[in-house]
Protein backbone atom coordinates (compact mmCIF):
# COMPACT_ATOMS: atom_id res chain seq x y z
CA MET A 1 8.04 4.21 2.05
CA ALA A 2 10.07 4.00 -1.32
CA ILE A 3 13.28 3.05 0.47
CA LEU A 4 11.61 0.35 2.65
CA ALA A 5 10.00 -1.07 -0.46
CA LEU A 6 13.36 -0.88 -2.37
CA ALA A 7 14.78 -2.78 0.54
CA VAL A 8 12.35 -5.47 0.54
CA PHE A 9 12.63 -5.79 -3.28
CA GLY A 10 16.31 -6.10 -3.02
CA THR A 11 16.14 -8.90 -0.38
CA THR A 12 14.24 -11.13 -3.09
CA THR A 13 17.70 -11.05 -5.32
CA GLN A 14 19.53 -12.72 -2.32
CA THR A 15 19.63 -16.35 -1.38
CA TRP A 16 16.81 -17.25 0.89
CA ILE A 17 17.12 -21.06 0.94
CA ASN A 18 20.22 -23.44 0.77
CA VAL A 19 19.10 -26.81 -0.46
CA ARG A 20 21.26 -29.97 -0.48
CA LEU A 21 19.56 -32.20 -3.18
CA ASP A 22 20.91 -35.41 -1.66
CA PRO A 23 21.64 -35.25 1.86
CA ALA A 24 24.14 -38.19 1.61
CA ALA A 25 26.21 -36.48 -1.02
CA ALA A 26 29.44 -34.89 0.11
CA ALA A 27 29.56 -32.10 -2.58
CA ASN A 28 28.31 -30.75 -5.77
CA ALA A 29 24.54 -31.15 -4.58
CA ASP A 30 23.87 -27.66 -3.43
CA LEU A 31 21.20 -25.25 -4.83
CA HIS A 32 20.68 -21.76 -3.73
CA VAL A 33 17.09 -20.42 -4.08
CA GLN A 34 16.64 -16.74 -4.35
CA GLY A 35 13.72 -15.05 -2.36
CA SER A 36 12.06 -14.19 -5.73
CA LYS A 37 11.80 -17.81 -6.45
CA ALA A 38 10.97 -19.09 -2.91
CA ALA A 39 8.22 -16.27 -2.28
CA THR A 40 7.35 -14.90 -5.65
CA ALA A 41 4.56 -12.61 -3.80
CA VAL A 42 7.18 -10.49 -1.96
CA THR A 43 8.52 -9.14 -5.18
CA ALA A 44 4.97 -8.17 -6.49
CA LEU A 45 3.96 -6.82 -3.09
CA ALA A 46 6.94 -4.82 -2.63
CA LEU A 47 6.38 -3.18 -6.07
CA VAL A 48 2.82 -2.32 -4.98
CA ALA A 49 4.28 -0.81 -1.69
CA LEU A 50 6.77 1.11 -3.90
CA ALA A 51 4.01 2.39 -6.16
CA GLY A 52 1.71 3.27 -3.30
CA GLY A 53 4.50 5.28 -1.56
CA LEU A 54 5.15 7.27 -4.68
CA ALA A 55 1.41 7.78 -5.26
CA SER A 56 0.83 9.10 -1.79
CA SER A 57 3.10 12.04 -2.69
CA ILE A 58 0.64 13.48 -5.19
CA ALA A 59 -2.61 12.17 -3.79
CA GLY A 60 -5.20 13.90 -1.98
CA LYS A 61 -6.35 13.62 1.66
CA VAL A 62 -8.88 10.69 1.14
CA SER A 63 -6.69 8.87 -1.53
CA ARG A 64 -3.73 9.00 0.99
CA TRP A 65 -5.85 6.81 3.45
CA ILE A 66 -6.61 4.35 0.73
CA ILE A 67 -3.18 4.16 -0.49
CA ALA A 68 -2.01 3.82 3.03
CA THR A 69 -4.59 0.85 3.52
CA ILE A 70 -3.09 -0.80 0.25
CA ILE A 71 0.44 -0.32 1.57
CA VAL A 72 -0.42 -1.95 4.86
CA LEU A 73 -2.20 -4.87 3.15
CA ALA A 74 0.86 -5.22 0.94
CA SER A 75 3.05 -5.08 4.16
CA ALA A 76 1.07 -7.92 5.72
CA GLY A 77 1.29 -9.95 2.53
CA ILE A 78 5.07 -9.63 2.51
CA LEU A 79 5.16 -10.71 6.24
CA ILE A 80 2.92 -13.65 5.67
CA ALA A 81 5.08 -14.78 2.51
CA ALA A 82 8.27 -14.53 4.36
CA VAL A 83 7.03 -16.46 7.39
CA THR A 84 5.52 -19.11 5.15
CA VAL A 85 9.16 -19.47 3.62
CA LEU A 86 10.50 -19.69 7.17
CA ALA A 87 8.15 -22.29 8.34
CA ASP A 88 8.60 -24.67 5.37
CA PRO A 89 11.82 -23.87 3.37
CA LEU A 90 11.79 -27.22 1.51
CA GLY A 91 8.20 -26.62 0.20
CA ALA A 92 9.21 -23.03 -0.78
CA ALA A 93 12.18 -24.49 -2.69
CA GLN A 94 10.33 -27.40 -4.45
CA GLY A 95 9.67 -25.26 -7.57
CA THR A 96 13.30 -24.47 -8.06
CA ILE A 97 14.40 -27.99 -7.29
CA ALA A 98 11.99 -29.43 -9.89
CA ALA A 99 13.01 -26.68 -12.58
CA THR A 100 16.66 -27.52 -11.77
CA THR A 101 16.77 -31.28 -11.71
CA GLY A 102 13.49 -32.12 -13.51
CA ILE A 103 12.44 -34.32 -10.62
CA SER A 104 9.76 -33.23 -8.03
CA GLY A 105 9.57 -34.97 -4.50
CA GLY A 106 13.07 -36.14 -4.42
CA GLN A 107 14.97 -36.50 -1.28
CA ALA A 108 16.45 -32.92 -0.30
CA ALA A 109 17.32 -31.02 2.96
CA ALA A 110 16.60 -27.40 3.07
CA SER A 111 17.56 -24.50 5.41
CA SER A 112 16.81 -20.83 5.48
């Protein structure tokens, strides 16, 4: 569990979305959005899964079932957050676009 949680956590440091701020521009209009910015919940939920995996090694029988339920819910949250980014990459990148350019709602093209 710890290895899987760390792998998910590691993916959030990679580029999830490539944005062209002005689709008509030829160059210098690219923005790369990391997973931690596109789906902020993934980082937190991966940390929950990591802590749960480590806690289950010292927990009793009943506690392990509770921890397993928490890990399953965290995993479901990770999947939902990732699918949301895939379904609407431009929407997921809007916060980063606004922070970088100071303009929200401008014209941009995004791909995941």
